[in-house]
Amino acid sequence: MTLFGIDRLIADPALRAPLEGKRVALVAHPASVTKELDHSLDVLAPLLNLTAAFGPQHGLKGDKQDNMVESADYRDPGLGIPVFSLYGEVRRPTAAMMAEFDVALIDLQDLGCRIYTFITTLLYMLEAAAEHGKAVWVLDRPNPAGRPVEGTALLPGWESFVGAGPMPMRHGLTLGELGHWFIDHFAIDVDYRVVSMERWQPDAGPGYGWPPEWLWINPSPNAASLNMARAYAGTVMIEGATLSEGRGTTRPLEVLFGAPDIDAGAVLEEMRRFAPKWLEGCAIRQVWFEPTFHKHAKTL
């Protein structure tokens, strides 16, 4: 069985030895689970001196269903530690937040796409750690889209929270590998290490990066399936248009796009004319849907 970074850290006391006597913070989200499906926060609390936690966009354990809705800081009711939002009043951790720990463990499931904001959170944490003399560990997880690298690179000057650096749209890296790339590209002087995976086979089908024995847990509310994760690098581009990308339905960013005034027949005809080879092996048909929220909510 493939073991992710979190499972190796839990199972091997030698891996945890450098954390003894350290104040530890965890950066995690709803998909930060072990092979037993226990959340990383709950499993690490008895093993380490957890003094803080951070939640990226959509929260530490999941709270915001819609997109681009900010989360507030709070105190974990069971552990009594502060839980800081990195998608609330701030996107970058503040000096006060950084003062709460010595080592940050980052356990985030990525989708393998430049736009997915968890990789920008990784970069911001690396930069803050370099500034404040903290260490960063990534507990690595697979890239569910596998190793293919596709798309154009982000142009200089267009960096943002949905574009951390000049990487292709589908970057083909794990979060741990991205950390090394950020450090090299931006010349970040930081104490960084990766707890790598065991028996991960990114080139082996049919998983192509995602071990078939592992369940898919939503890292964000609308990342509802492995198929969505693989489609996301393309379907997320629809967010920049007036078209609905399916948010407010049960298959967002996977099988639906549309608008009330779209001529679906004309769109299909143009797709077949413009890119017939792209459609080989695909079945594309007209459907009707009514989003419950987001763009064109409650409109057929």
Protein backbone atom coordinates (compact mmCIF):
# COMPACT_ATOMS: atom_id res chain seq x y z
CA MET A 1 0.00 0.00 0.00
CA THR A 2 1.18 3.49 -0.79
CA LEU A 3 1.97 5.49 2.33
CA PHE A 4 1.60 9.25 2.30
CA GLY A 5 3.85 11.56 4.32
CA ILE A 6 1.43 11.80 7.25
CA ASP A 7 1.33 8.01 7.69
CA ARG A 8 5.11 7.72 7.61
CA LEU A 9 5.48 10.47 10.22
CA ILE A 10 2.98 8.77 12.51
CA ALA A 11 4.51 5.31 12.14
CA ASP A 12 8.19 6.21 12.47
CA PRO A 13 9.43 7.80 15.73
CA ALA A 14 12.80 8.48 14.08
CA LEU A 15 11.11 10.79 11.58
CA ARG A 16 9.49 12.68 14.46
CA ALA A 17 12.68 12.88 16.54
CA PRO A 18 13.78 16.31 15.18
CA LEU A 19 10.42 17.70 16.36
CA GLU A 20 11.01 16.82 20.01
CA GLY A 21 11.07 19.95 22.14
CA LYS A 22 9.71 22.02 19.23
CA ARG A 23 6.45 23.94 19.06
CA VAL A 24 4.64 22.59 16.02
CA ALA A 25 1.93 24.10 13.82
CA LEU A 26 -0.14 22.14 11.32
CA VAL A 27 -1.39 23.56 8.02
CA ALA A 28 -4.20 21.29 6.88
CA HIS A 29 -7.64 21.01 5.28
CA PRO A 30 -10.49 18.45 5.07
CA ALA A 31 -8.45 15.98 2.96
CA SER A 32 -5.57 15.94 5.45
CA VAL A 33 -6.33 12.41 6.59
CA THR A 34 -4.40 9.24 7.28
CA LYS A 35 -4.94 5.91 5.56
CA GLU A 36 -7.40 5.20 8.39
CA LEU A 37 -9.26 8.43 7.44
CA ASP A 38 -8.40 10.16 10.70
CA HIS A 39 -7.70 13.89 10.39
CA SER A 40 -4.03 14.81 10.75
CA LEU A 41 -4.76 17.31 13.51
CA ASP A 42 -6.39 14.67 15.70
CA VAL A 43 -3.66 12.08 15.09
CA LEU A 44 -0.68 14.39 15.56
CA ALA A 45 -1.98 16.09 18.72
CA PRO A 46 -1.00 13.20 21.07
CA LEU A 47 2.40 12.77 19.38
CA LEU A 48 3.69 16.34 19.08
CA ASN A 49 3.58 19.64 20.91
CA LEU A 50 0.95 21.22 18.69
CA THR A 51 0.65 24.90 19.54
CA ALA A 52 -1.23 26.24 16.50
CA ALA A 53 -3.00 25.22 13.32
CA PHE A 54 -3.68 26.97 10.03
CA GLY A 55 -6.50 26.55 7.56
CA PRO A 56 -6.14 27.52 3.88
CA GLN A 57 -9.03 28.47 1.61
CA HIS A 58 -12.22 26.65 2.71
CA GLY A 59 -10.91 26.06 6.24
CA LEU A 60 -8.96 23.59 8.37
CA LYS A 61 -11.69 20.95 8.47
CA GLY A 62 -14.02 22.50 5.90
CA ASP A 63 -16.52 25.29 6.41
CA LYS A 64 -17.21 27.30 3.25
CA GLN A 65 -19.13 25.60 0.44
CA ASP A 66 -19.07 28.43 -2.09
CA ASN A 67 -15.91 29.76 -3.69
CA MET A 68 -13.92 32.80 -2.55
CA VAL A 69 -15.67 33.03 0.85
CA GLU A 70 -13.32 33.91 3.68
CA SER A 71 -12.97 32.06 6.99
CA ALA A 72 -12.34 33.52 10.45
CA ASP A 73 -9.74 32.62 13.07
CA TYR A 74 -10.96 30.54 16.01
CA ARG A 75 -9.73 28.37 18.85
CA ASP A 76 -9.98 24.60 18.51
CA PRO A 77 -12.52 23.50 21.13
CA GLY A 78 -10.78 20.20 21.87
CA LEU A 79 -7.12 21.18 21.84
CA GLY A 80 -7.47 24.79 22.90
CA ILE A 81 -4.94 25.95 20.31
CA PRO A 82 -5.45 28.90 17.94
CA VAL A 83 -6.56 28.05 14.40
CA PHE A 84 -5.48 30.81 12.04
CA SER A 85 -7.17 31.41 8.71
CA LEU A 86 -4.93 32.00 5.72
CA TYR A 87 -8.00 32.87 3.69
CA GLY A 88 -9.56 35.52 5.89
CA GLU A 89 -8.23 38.88 6.97
CA VAL A 90 -4.83 37.81 5.62
CA ARG A 91 -3.43 35.50 2.95
CA ARG A 92 0.11 35.56 4.34
CA PRO A 93 0.83 34.49 7.93
CA THR A 94 1.52 37.46 10.19
CA ALA A 95 4.43 37.89 12.62
CA ALA A 96 2.06 37.17 15.53
CA MET A 97 0.98 33.91 13.91
CA MET A 98 4.56 32.88 13.19
CA ALA A 99 5.49 33.51 16.82
CA GLU A 100 3.25 30.62 17.91
CA PHE A 101 5.47 27.82 16.55
CA ASP A 102 8.96 26.66 15.59
CA VAL A 103 8.13 24.16 12.83
CA ALA A 104 5.19 24.19 10.42
CA LEU A 105 3.97 20.84 9.09
CA ILE A 106 2.08 21.31 5.82
CA ASP A 107 -0.27 18.45 4.98
CA LEU A 108 -2.35 19.61 2.02
CA GLN A 109 -3.80 17.59 -0.85
CA ASP A 110 -3.20 19.53 -4.07
CA LEU A 111 -4.91 19.14 -7.46
CA GLY A 112 -1.82 19.66 -9.61
CA CYS A 113 -2.97 22.99 -11.06
CA ARG A 114 -1.34 26.42 -10.81
CA ILE A 115 -4.64 28.12 -9.94
CA TYR A 116 -5.41 25.91 -6.91
CA THR A 117 -4.60 28.20 -4.01
CA PHE A 118 -2.99 25.71 -1.62
CA ILE A 119 0.31 25.94 -3.50
CA THR A 120 0.34 29.72 -3.03
CA THR A 121 -0.27 29.17 0.68
CA LEU A 122 2.80 26.92 0.66
CA LEU A 123 4.89 29.66 -0.97
CA TYR A 124 3.69 32.31 1.48
CA MET A 125 4.49 30.03 4.43
CA LEU A 126 7.99 29.34 3.07
CA GLU A 127 8.64 33.06 2.67
CA ALA A 128 7.32 33.86 6.16
CA ALA A 129 9.38 31.03 7.67
CA ALA A 130 12.52 32.40 6.02
CA GLU A 131 11.79 35.85 7.42
CA HIS A 132 11.11 34.64 10.97
CA GLY A 133 13.62 31.79 11.23
CA LYS A 134 11.12 28.93 11.28
CA ALA A 135 11.29 25.49 9.67
CA VAL A 136 8.78 24.05 7.19
CA TRP A 137 8.07 20.38 6.59
CA VAL A 138 5.75 19.11 3.85
CA LEU A 139 4.04 15.78 4.47
CA ASP A 140 3.84 14.78 0.84
CA ARG A 141 0.80 13.53 -1.06
CA PRO A 142 0.27 12.49 -4.69
CA ASN A 143 -0.51 14.79 -7.54
CA PRO A 144 -3.88 13.31 -8.62
CA ALA A 145 -3.44 14.59 -12.18
CA GLY A 146 -0.19 12.65 -12.47
CA ARG A 147 3.00 13.73 -14.17
CA PRO A 148 1.74 15.29 -17.44
CA VAL A 149 2.81 18.93 -17.77
CA GLU A 150 0.50 21.07 -19.90
CA GLY A 151 -0.42 24.68 -20.55
CA THR A 152 1.39 27.96 -20.83
CA ALA A 153 3.48 29.41 -18.01
CA LEU A 154 2.32 32.38 -15.97
CA LEU A 155 3.69 35.63 -17.43
CA PRO A 156 5.90 37.85 -15.26
CA GLY A 157 3.92 40.58 -13.54
CA TRP A 158 0.73 38.53 -13.34
CA GLU A 159 1.54 36.80 -10.04
CA SER A 160 -1.40 36.56 -7.62
CA PHE A 161 -3.01 34.24 -5.10
CA VAL A 162 -4.12 32.07 -8.05
CA GLY A 163 -0.74 32.26 -9.75
CA ALA A 164 2.26 31.94 -7.44
CA GLY A 165 4.97 31.82 -10.08
CA PRO A 166 5.91 31.07 -13.70
CA MET A 167 4.81 27.45 -13.73
CA PRO A 168 2.62 25.70 -16.33
CA MET A 169 -1.09 25.39 -15.70
CA ARG A 170 -0.76 21.63 -15.06
CA HIS A 171 2.61 21.42 -13.30
CA GLY A 172 3.01 17.67 -12.70
CA LEU A 173 4.62 18.05 -9.24
CA THR A 174 3.70 17.05 -5.71
CA LEU A 175 3.44 19.71 -3.02
CA GLY A 176 6.78 18.63 -1.58
CA GLU A 177 8.43 18.96 -4.98
CA LEU A 178 6.78 22.35 -5.48
CA GLY A 179 8.36 23.49 -2.21
CA HIS A 180 11.80 22.68 -3.59
CA TRP A 181 10.94 24.48 -6.84
CA PHE A 182 9.76 27.61 -4.98
CA ILE A 183 12.91 27.65 -2.84
CA ASP A 184 15.13 27.33 -5.90
CA HIS A 185 13.23 29.76 -8.12
CA PHE A 186 12.69 32.49 -5.53
CA ALA A 187 16.01 31.88 -3.70
CA ILE A 188 14.30 31.36 -0.33
CA ASP A 189 16.71 30.67 2.54
CA VAL A 190 14.61 28.40 4.72
CA ASP A 191 14.98 25.19 6.73
CA TYR A 192 12.87 22.86 4.56
CA ARG A 193 12.33 19.14 4.42
CA VAL A 194 9.85 16.74 2.83
CA VAL A 195 8.47 13.61 4.42
CA SER A 196 8.17 11.69 1.17
CA MET A 197 5.75 8.95 0.21
CA GLU A 198 6.52 5.23 0.12
CA ARG A 199 5.61 3.00 -2.83
CA TRP A 200 4.07 5.84 -4.82
CA GLN A 201 3.92 5.04 -8.56
CA PRO A 202 2.99 8.22 -10.44
CA ASP A 203 3.38 6.60 -13.87
CA ALA A 204 1.38 3.46 -13.14
CA GLY A 205 -2.10 3.18 -14.69
CA PRO A 206 -4.96 3.32 -14.22
CA GLY A 207 -4.26 5.61 -11.28
CA TYR A 208 -1.56 7.71 -12.97
CA GLY A 209 -0.51 9.18 -9.69
CA TRP A 210 -3.46 8.36 -7.42
CA PRO A 211 -3.16 5.00 -5.63
CA PRO A 212 -6.34 3.01 -6.33
CA GLU A 213 -6.48 1.73 -2.73
CA TRP A 214 -6.85 5.29 -1.40
CA LEU A 215 -10.28 6.90 -1.14
CA TRP A 216 -10.71 10.38 -2.58
CA ILE A 217 -11.54 12.96 0.10
CA ASN A 218 -12.58 16.44 -1.05
CA PRO A 219 -9.70 18.88 -0.38
CA SER A 220 -12.21 21.66 -1.09
CA PRO A 221 -16.00 21.39 -1.29
CA ASN A 222 -16.21 21.45 -5.08
CA ALA A 223 -13.32 19.02 -5.66
CA ALA A 224 -15.71 16.13 -5.38
CA SER A 225 -13.93 13.38 -7.31
CA LEU A 226 -10.65 12.21 -8.76
CA ASN A 227 -12.09 12.83 -12.22
CA MET A 228 -12.73 16.46 -11.27
CA ALA A 229 -9.12 16.79 -10.12
CA ARG A 230 -7.92 15.70 -13.55
CA ALA A 231 -10.35 17.94 -15.42
CA TYR A 232 -9.75 20.96 -13.18
CA ALA A 233 -6.77 22.48 -15.01
CA GLY A 234 -9.07 23.00 -17.98
CA THR A 235 -12.49 23.51 -16.43
CA VAL A 236 -11.25 26.11 -13.92
CA MET A 237 -10.59 28.45 -16.87
CA ILE A 238 -14.37 28.72 -17.31
CA GLU A 239 -14.46 30.62 -14.00
CA GLY A 240 -13.00 33.60 -15.84
CA ALA A 241 -16.03 33.77 -18.14
CA THR A 242 -19.73 34.49 -17.57
CA LEU A 243 -20.43 30.79 -18.06
CA SER A 244 -21.32 28.62 -15.08
CA GLU A 245 -18.66 26.00 -14.38
CA GLY A 246 -21.22 23.89 -12.52
CA ARG A 247 -20.82 25.34 -9.03
CA GLY A 248 -24.10 24.88 -7.22
CA THR A 249 -24.57 21.43 -8.79
CA THR A 250 -23.38 17.97 -7.79
CA ARG A 251 -20.70 17.80 -10.54
CA PRO A 252 -18.93 21.17 -10.50
CA LEU A 253 -15.78 21.71 -12.59
CA GLU A 254 -16.18 18.23 -14.03
CA VAL A 255 -19.04 17.63 -16.49
CA LEU A 256 -21.03 20.86 -16.81
CA PHE A 257 -20.70 24.34 -18.25
CA GLY A 258 -23.36 26.67 -19.54
CA ALA A 259 -25.37 29.85 -19.32
CA PRO A 260 -29.04 30.81 -19.73
CA ASP A 261 -28.45 32.38 -23.14
CA ILE A 262 -25.98 29.88 -24.60
CA ASP A 263 -26.73 28.08 -27.89
CA ALA A 264 -25.42 24.66 -26.90
CA GLY A 265 -25.95 23.21 -30.37
CA ALA A 266 -23.83 25.93 -31.94
CA VAL A 267 -21.11 25.45 -29.31
CA LEU A 268 -20.97 21.71 -30.01
CA GLU A 269 -20.81 22.31 -33.75
CA GLU A 270 -17.93 24.76 -33.33
CA MET A 271 -16.06 22.39 -30.99
CA ARG A 272 -16.30 19.61 -33.57
CA ARG A 273 -15.14 21.93 -36.34
CA PHE A 274 -12.29 23.54 -34.40
CA ALA A 275 -10.79 20.55 -32.58
CA PRO A 276 -12.10 17.22 -33.84
CA LYS A 277 -9.08 15.28 -32.55
CA TRP A 278 -9.64 16.62 -29.02
CA LEU A 279 -13.10 15.07 -29.01
CA GLU A 280 -12.01 11.55 -29.94
CA GLY A 281 -13.22 9.16 -27.26
CA CYS A 282 -15.59 11.75 -25.80
CA ALA A 283 -19.37 11.80 -25.66
CA ILE A 284 -20.60 15.38 -25.45
CA ARG A 285 -24.29 16.19 -25.17
CA GLN A 286 -26.62 18.98 -24.22
CA VAL A 287 -27.91 18.98 -20.64
CA TRP A 288 -30.02 21.39 -18.61
CA PHE A 289 -29.17 22.38 -15.05
CA GLU A 290 -30.08 24.97 -12.46
CA PRO A 291 -27.25 26.03 -10.10
CA THR A 292 -28.37 26.43 -6.50
CA PHE A 293 -25.70 29.10 -5.87
CA HIS A 294 -22.92 31.05 -7.59
CA LYS A 295 -23.22 32.20 -11.22
CA HIS A 296 -26.75 32.03 -12.70
CA ALA A 297 -28.14 30.70 -9.41
CA LYS A 298 -31.72 29.40 -9.64
CA THR A 299 -31.73 29.96 -13.39
CA LEU A 300 -32.19 27.17 -15.95
